[in-house]
N, C-alpha and C. Protein backbone atom coordinates (compact mmCIF):
# COMPACT_ATOMS: atom_id res chain seq x y z
N MET A 1 -29.68 27.16 28.40
CA MET A 1 -29.20 26.80 27.09
C MET A 1 -27.90 27.32 26.87
N SER A 2 -26.93 26.53 26.29
CA SER A 2 -25.45 26.84 26.21
C SER A 2 -25.46 27.55 24.70
N GLU A 3 -24.38 28.33 24.29
CA GLU A 3 -24.29 28.93 23.18
C GLU A 3 -24.36 27.86 21.92
N SER A 4 -23.86 26.71 22.27
CA SER A 4 -23.81 25.64 21.18
C SER A 4 -25.13 25.13 20.94
N GLU A 5 -26.09 25.12 21.70
CA GLU A 5 -27.39 24.65 21.56
C GLU A 5 -28.20 25.68 20.90
N SER A 6 -29.04 25.18 19.94
CA SER A 6 -30.06 26.09 19.04
C SER A 6 -31.27 25.94 19.58
N GLU A 7 -32.16 27.08 19.55
CA GLU A 7 -33.43 27.07 19.96
C GLU A 7 -34.20 26.12 19.13
N SER A 8 -35.13 25.39 19.62
CA SER A 8 -35.95 24.62 18.97
C SER A 8 -37.12 25.25 18.45
N TYR A 9 -37.68 25.01 17.22
CA TYR A 9 -38.70 25.72 16.55
C TYR A 9 -39.84 24.78 16.34
N LEU A 10 -41.19 25.23 16.53
CA LEU A 10 -42.28 24.51 16.12
C LEU A 10 -43.11 25.47 15.19
N ILE A 11 -43.25 25.06 13.97
CA ILE A 11 -43.98 25.78 13.08
C ILE A 11 -45.27 25.16 12.92
N VAL A 12 -46.46 25.97 13.18
CA VAL A 12 -47.75 25.45 13.30
C VAL A 12 -48.46 26.03 12.10
N CYS A 13 -49.11 24.96 11.34
CA CYS A 13 -49.83 25.46 10.26
C CYS A 13 -51.16 25.00 10.35
N ASP A 14 -52.23 25.95 10.48
CA ASP A 14 -53.58 25.56 10.60
C ASP A 14 -54.44 26.20 9.71
N ARG A 15 -53.86 26.69 8.65
CA ARG A 15 -54.71 27.30 7.59
C ARG A 15 -54.70 26.42 6.47
N PRO A 16 -55.73 26.47 5.41
CA PRO A 16 -55.89 25.54 4.47
C PRO A 16 -54.71 25.76 3.50
N PRO A 17 -54.26 24.73 2.83
CA PRO A 17 -53.04 24.75 2.00
C PRO A 17 -52.98 25.67 0.68
N TYR A 18 -54.16 26.02 0.29
CA TYR A 18 -54.29 26.85 -0.74
C TYR A 18 -55.28 27.94 -0.58
N GLY A 19 -54.99 28.98 -1.34
CA GLY A 19 -56.01 30.17 -1.12
C GLY A 19 -55.24 31.34 -0.45
N SER A 20 -54.12 30.88 0.10
CA SER A 20 -53.27 32.05 0.56
C SER A 20 -51.86 31.51 0.51
N TYR A 21 -50.88 32.26 0.95
CA TYR A 21 -49.38 31.80 1.02
C TYR A 21 -49.08 31.49 2.45
N ALA A 22 -49.89 31.55 3.36
CA ALA A 22 -49.38 31.16 4.79
C ALA A 22 -48.78 29.58 4.83
N MET A 23 -49.23 28.80 4.14
CA MET A 23 -48.79 27.24 4.32
C MET A 23 -47.43 27.28 3.58
N PHE A 24 -47.35 28.05 2.47
CA PHE A 24 -45.94 27.97 1.61
C PHE A 24 -45.02 28.74 2.49
N GLU A 25 -45.31 29.84 3.07
CA GLU A 25 -44.27 30.71 3.62
C GLU A 25 -44.07 29.75 5.02
N SER A 26 -44.74 29.20 5.65
CA SER A 26 -44.62 28.34 6.92
C SER A 26 -43.65 27.20 6.57
N LEU A 27 -43.83 26.49 5.38
CA LEU A 27 -42.94 25.41 5.12
C LEU A 27 -41.52 25.86 4.69
N ASP A 28 -41.57 27.18 3.95
CA ASP A 28 -40.38 27.65 3.57
C ASP A 28 -39.48 28.07 4.72
N MET A 29 -40.15 28.76 5.77
CA MET A 29 -39.54 28.90 7.03
C MET A 29 -39.11 27.65 7.76
N ALA A 30 -39.77 26.75 7.74
CA ALA A 30 -39.12 25.48 8.24
C ALA A 30 -37.90 24.96 7.54
N MET A 31 -38.04 24.99 6.22
CA MET A 31 -36.70 24.47 5.29
C MET A 31 -35.68 25.43 5.70
N SER A 32 -35.71 26.67 5.84
CA SER A 32 -34.66 27.68 5.98
C SER A 32 -34.16 27.55 7.34
N ALA A 33 -34.87 27.40 8.40
CA ALA A 33 -34.37 27.04 9.62
C ALA A 33 -33.45 25.73 9.69
N ALA A 34 -34.07 24.79 9.26
CA ALA A 34 -33.38 23.46 9.37
C ALA A 34 -32.28 23.40 8.43
N ALA A 35 -32.15 24.04 7.39
CA ALA A 35 -30.81 24.24 6.47
C ALA A 35 -29.74 24.92 7.28
N PHE A 36 -30.09 25.71 8.43
CA PHE A 36 -29.00 26.22 9.12
C PHE A 36 -28.82 25.45 10.64
N ASP A 37 -29.32 24.22 10.44
CA ASP A 37 -28.96 23.24 11.46
C ASP A 37 -29.77 23.63 12.84
N MET A 38 -30.99 24.36 12.69
CA MET A 38 -31.82 24.56 13.84
C MET A 38 -32.80 23.47 14.00
N PRO A 39 -33.12 23.11 15.24
CA PRO A 39 -33.98 22.00 15.38
C PRO A 39 -35.43 22.58 15.07
N VAL A 40 -36.11 21.96 14.13
CA VAL A 40 -37.48 22.33 13.66
C VAL A 40 -38.52 21.16 13.55
N GLN A 41 -39.58 21.34 14.02
CA GLN A 41 -40.68 20.47 13.77
C GLN A 41 -41.81 21.19 13.25
N VAL A 42 -42.80 20.55 12.53
CA VAL A 42 -44.00 21.15 11.88
C VAL A 42 -45.27 20.50 12.31
N LEU A 43 -46.03 21.18 12.67
CA LEU A 43 -47.37 20.84 13.08
C LEU A 43 -48.48 21.05 12.19
N LEU A 44 -49.29 20.29 11.79
CA LEU A 44 -50.29 20.37 10.89
C LEU A 44 -51.56 20.08 11.61
N ARG A 45 -52.38 21.24 11.88
CA ARG A 45 -53.64 21.10 12.71
C ARG A 45 -54.70 21.81 12.01
N GLY A 46 -56.01 21.84 12.34
CA GLY A 46 -57.09 22.46 11.79
C GLY A 46 -57.18 22.18 10.27
N ASP A 47 -57.37 23.25 9.44
CA ASP A 47 -57.41 22.97 7.96
C ASP A 47 -56.02 22.75 7.37
N GLY A 48 -54.98 22.81 8.37
CA GLY A 48 -53.61 22.76 7.80
C GLY A 48 -53.36 21.21 7.37
N VAL A 49 -54.17 20.35 7.87
CA VAL A 49 -54.00 19.04 7.69
C VAL A 49 -54.17 18.61 6.27
N TYR A 50 -55.09 19.33 5.60
CA TYR A 50 -55.31 19.10 4.11
C TYR A 50 -53.97 18.98 3.41
N ALA A 51 -52.82 19.72 3.77
CA ALA A 51 -51.71 19.84 3.14
C ALA A 51 -51.06 18.41 3.16
N ALA A 52 -51.28 17.51 3.86
CA ALA A 52 -50.74 16.24 3.99
C ALA A 52 -51.36 15.08 3.20
N LEU A 53 -52.58 15.55 2.61
CA LEU A 53 -53.32 14.54 1.86
C LEU A 53 -52.59 14.14 0.45
N GLN A 54 -52.55 12.87 0.11
CA GLN A 54 -51.86 12.46 -1.15
C GLN A 54 -52.80 12.76 -2.18
N GLY A 55 -52.27 12.77 -3.39
CA GLY A 55 -53.01 13.10 -4.67
C GLY A 55 -53.68 14.40 -4.83
N GLN A 56 -52.91 15.35 -4.39
CA GLN A 56 -53.51 16.81 -4.52
C GLN A 56 -53.22 17.21 -5.97
N SER A 57 -54.00 17.97 -6.58
CA SER A 57 -54.01 18.53 -8.10
C SER A 57 -54.38 20.00 -8.01
N PRO A 58 -53.58 20.79 -7.35
CA PRO A 58 -53.90 22.30 -7.37
C PRO A 58 -53.57 22.99 -8.63
N SER A 59 -53.35 22.33 -9.62
CA SER A 59 -52.88 22.99 -11.03
C SER A 59 -53.96 24.02 -11.47
N GLU A 60 -55.24 23.72 -11.17
CA GLU A 60 -56.34 24.66 -11.65
C GLU A 60 -56.04 25.96 -10.95
N LEU A 61 -55.47 25.93 -9.50
CA LEU A 61 -55.36 27.08 -8.91
C LEU A 61 -53.92 27.71 -9.22
N LYS A 62 -53.22 27.23 -10.18
CA LYS A 62 -51.84 27.46 -10.58
C LYS A 62 -50.93 27.67 -9.23
N GLN A 63 -51.04 26.55 -8.54
CA GLN A 63 -50.06 26.40 -7.35
C GLN A 63 -49.51 24.92 -7.34
N LYS A 64 -48.45 24.87 -6.59
CA LYS A 64 -47.82 23.73 -6.61
C LYS A 64 -48.34 22.72 -5.43
N ASP A 65 -48.10 21.37 -5.70
CA ASP A 65 -48.73 20.30 -4.79
C ASP A 65 -47.95 20.53 -3.62
N LEU A 66 -48.60 20.76 -2.35
CA LEU A 66 -47.77 21.03 -1.16
C LEU A 66 -47.46 19.76 -0.45
N SER A 67 -48.02 18.60 -0.93
CA SER A 67 -47.61 17.27 -0.32
C SER A 67 -46.21 16.96 -0.69
N LYS A 68 -45.79 17.40 -1.83
CA LYS A 68 -44.36 17.04 -2.26
C LYS A 68 -43.48 17.84 -1.39
N ARG A 69 -43.89 19.11 -1.13
CA ARG A 69 -42.92 19.95 -0.56
C ARG A 69 -42.88 19.41 1.08
N LEU A 70 -43.98 18.84 1.62
CA LEU A 70 -44.01 18.22 2.77
C LEU A 70 -43.03 17.06 2.94
N SER A 71 -43.13 16.27 1.95
CA SER A 71 -42.20 15.05 1.67
C SER A 71 -40.73 15.56 1.81
N ALA A 72 -40.44 16.84 1.23
CA ALA A 72 -39.03 17.28 1.05
C ALA A 72 -38.50 17.77 2.31
N LEU A 73 -39.20 18.08 3.21
CA LEU A 73 -38.91 18.69 4.49
C LEU A 73 -37.81 17.74 5.23
N GLU A 74 -37.97 16.52 5.20
CA GLU A 74 -36.87 15.60 5.85
C GLU A 74 -35.54 15.85 5.16
N ILE A 75 -35.45 15.99 3.77
CA ILE A 75 -34.32 16.31 3.26
C ILE A 75 -33.53 17.39 3.63
N TYR A 76 -34.24 18.48 4.01
CA TYR A 76 -33.76 19.71 4.64
C TYR A 76 -33.40 19.56 6.00
N GLY A 77 -33.75 18.41 6.74
CA GLY A 77 -33.39 18.39 8.04
C GLY A 77 -34.57 18.79 9.05
N VAL A 78 -35.68 18.80 8.66
CA VAL A 78 -36.82 19.03 9.63
C VAL A 78 -36.95 17.82 10.46
N ASP A 79 -36.95 17.90 11.72
CA ASP A 79 -36.99 16.75 12.70
C ASP A 79 -38.31 16.04 12.57
N ALA A 80 -39.37 16.42 12.40
CA ALA A 80 -40.79 15.85 12.40
C ALA A 80 -41.78 16.72 11.77
N ILE A 81 -42.53 15.99 11.28
CA ILE A 81 -43.79 16.69 10.65
C ILE A 81 -44.92 15.94 11.21
N TYR A 82 -45.80 16.63 12.09
CA TYR A 82 -46.93 16.14 12.92
C TYR A 82 -48.20 16.58 12.39
N VAL A 83 -49.20 15.51 12.49
CA VAL A 83 -50.55 15.76 12.04
C VAL A 83 -51.55 15.54 13.28
N CYS A 84 -52.35 16.47 13.66
CA CYS A 84 -53.18 16.35 14.67
C CYS A 84 -54.29 15.16 14.27
N ARG A 85 -54.46 14.30 15.08
CA ARG A 85 -55.34 13.12 14.69
C ARG A 85 -56.84 13.84 15.01
N LYS A 86 -56.84 14.65 15.82
CA LYS A 86 -58.43 15.12 16.21
C LYS A 86 -58.81 16.13 14.86
N SER A 87 -57.98 16.64 14.41
CA SER A 87 -58.09 17.61 13.29
C SER A 87 -58.58 16.71 12.04
N LEU A 88 -57.96 15.63 11.88
CA LEU A 88 -58.36 14.65 10.81
C LEU A 88 -59.68 14.09 11.03
N ASP A 89 -59.96 13.76 12.35
CA ASP A 89 -61.33 13.20 12.64
C ASP A 89 -62.35 14.21 12.37
N ASP A 90 -62.05 15.58 12.82
CA ASP A 90 -63.18 16.44 12.66
C ASP A 90 -63.46 16.92 11.35
N ARG A 91 -62.50 16.49 10.18
CA ARG A 91 -62.66 16.69 8.88
C ARG A 91 -63.13 15.39 8.12
N ASN A 92 -63.35 14.26 8.90
CA ASN A 92 -63.63 13.07 8.40
C ASN A 92 -62.59 12.59 7.40
N LEU A 93 -61.25 12.71 7.53
CA LEU A 93 -60.14 12.45 6.84
C LEU A 93 -59.72 11.04 7.36
N ALA A 94 -59.20 10.04 6.57
CA ALA A 94 -58.59 8.96 6.95
C ALA A 94 -57.15 9.01 7.03
N PRO A 95 -56.50 8.36 8.02
CA PRO A 95 -55.06 8.59 8.10
C PRO A 95 -54.24 8.05 7.09
N ASP A 96 -54.87 6.84 6.39
CA ASP A 96 -54.20 6.15 5.44
C ASP A 96 -54.23 6.98 4.00
N GLY A 97 -54.87 8.23 3.94
CA GLY A 97 -54.74 9.07 2.89
C GLY A 97 -53.68 10.14 2.88
N LEU A 98 -52.91 9.90 3.90
CA LEU A 98 -51.87 10.98 4.10
C LEU A 98 -50.42 10.57 3.51
N VAL A 99 -49.72 11.39 3.18
CA VAL A 99 -48.27 11.19 2.80
C VAL A 99 -47.62 10.56 3.78
N GLU A 100 -46.38 9.70 3.39
CA GLU A 100 -45.79 9.03 4.45
C GLU A 100 -44.94 9.67 5.43
N SER A 101 -44.54 10.75 5.06
CA SER A 101 -43.50 11.43 5.93
C SER A 101 -44.05 12.13 7.22
N VAL A 102 -45.37 12.07 7.45
CA VAL A 102 -46.09 12.56 8.71
C VAL A 102 -46.29 11.58 9.82
N GLN A 103 -46.29 12.16 11.05
CA GLN A 103 -46.68 11.27 12.04
C GLN A 103 -48.10 11.77 12.88
N LEU A 104 -48.91 10.81 13.10
CA LEU A 104 -50.12 11.35 13.80
C LEU A 104 -50.04 11.31 15.24
N ILE A 105 -50.59 12.44 15.72
CA ILE A 105 -50.46 12.76 17.37
C ILE A 105 -51.89 13.23 17.60
N ASP A 106 -51.96 12.99 19.09
CA ASP A 106 -53.38 13.29 19.70
C ASP A 106 -53.17 14.59 20.43
N PRO A 107 -54.25 15.27 20.73
CA PRO A 107 -54.19 16.49 21.34
C PRO A 107 -53.19 16.72 22.55
N ALA A 108 -53.05 15.55 23.37
CA ALA A 108 -52.21 15.61 24.51
C ALA A 108 -50.73 15.75 24.07
N GLN A 109 -50.30 15.06 22.93
CA GLN A 109 -49.01 15.02 22.38
C GLN A 109 -48.81 16.56 21.64
N VAL A 110 -49.83 17.09 21.09
CA VAL A 110 -49.80 18.62 20.48
C VAL A 110 -49.37 19.30 21.68
N SER A 111 -50.18 19.39 22.87
CA SER A 111 -49.77 20.24 23.85
C SER A 111 -48.35 19.91 24.38
N ALA A 112 -47.70 18.76 24.45
CA ALA A 112 -46.62 18.44 24.91
C ALA A 112 -45.55 19.01 24.08
N ILE A 113 -45.53 18.83 22.50
CA ILE A 113 -44.53 19.40 21.65
C ILE A 113 -44.77 20.72 21.67
N THR A 114 -45.76 21.49 21.92
CA THR A 114 -45.83 22.99 21.86
C THR A 114 -45.16 23.48 23.17
N ALA A 115 -45.34 22.96 24.28
CA ALA A 115 -44.60 23.12 25.53
C ALA A 115 -43.05 23.08 25.52
N ARG A 116 -42.51 21.92 24.75
CA ARG A 116 -41.18 21.68 24.71
C ARG A 116 -40.36 22.72 23.77
N ALA A 117 -41.19 23.22 22.87
CA ALA A 117 -40.53 24.20 21.62
C ALA A 117 -40.02 25.47 22.43
N ASP A 118 -38.92 25.93 22.04
CA ASP A 118 -38.44 27.14 22.49
C ASP A 118 -39.21 28.38 21.79
N LEU A 119 -39.45 28.16 20.62
CA LEU A 119 -40.18 29.13 19.77
C LEU A 119 -41.27 28.57 19.03
N VAL A 120 -42.52 29.19 18.96
CA VAL A 120 -43.69 28.62 18.30
C VAL A 120 -44.07 29.66 17.33
N VAL A 121 -44.09 29.46 16.09
CA VAL A 121 -44.38 30.23 15.14
C VAL A 121 -45.75 29.76 14.35
N GLN A 122 -46.62 30.78 14.24
CA GLN A 122 -47.80 30.54 13.56
C GLN A 122 -48.27 31.66 12.67
N LEU A 123 -48.37 31.41 11.33
CA LEU A 123 -48.55 32.56 10.32
C LEU A 123 -50.16 32.57 10.16
C-alpha cells in the first residue's frame, strides 16, 4: 500500500441498537473515519440488523432513532452499509422494512468484504 492510499475499514455492528452505546459508537467511528477520507464500510449483522429497520421510536428509551443516523452515513462519505440477509432471515425480518440506504448481502459476501478490509472493528 502506498502512502497515498488509506487503509480500508469495516465497522461490524452485531449488537442490538438500543440498550448500550456500542451501535452509536460504531456509527460515530464510521462517520469520523469517513470525514477524514478513509474508505469505510459498515456491516450490520446479528442483532445489529435491527438498527436498519424503518419506523423506530426509541423515545421511551430516551435515545435517538438510529435509522436516521444510518441514512446520514452516506453524507459523511461511508462507502456502503451492508445488512446480512441471513441475520434478517434468522429474525423473521423482511427486507422491505429496511431503510433505503442499506444493501443486503449473503454470508459469502460478508466473508468477502471482511477479507478485503485492511482493518475490521467490532465493538
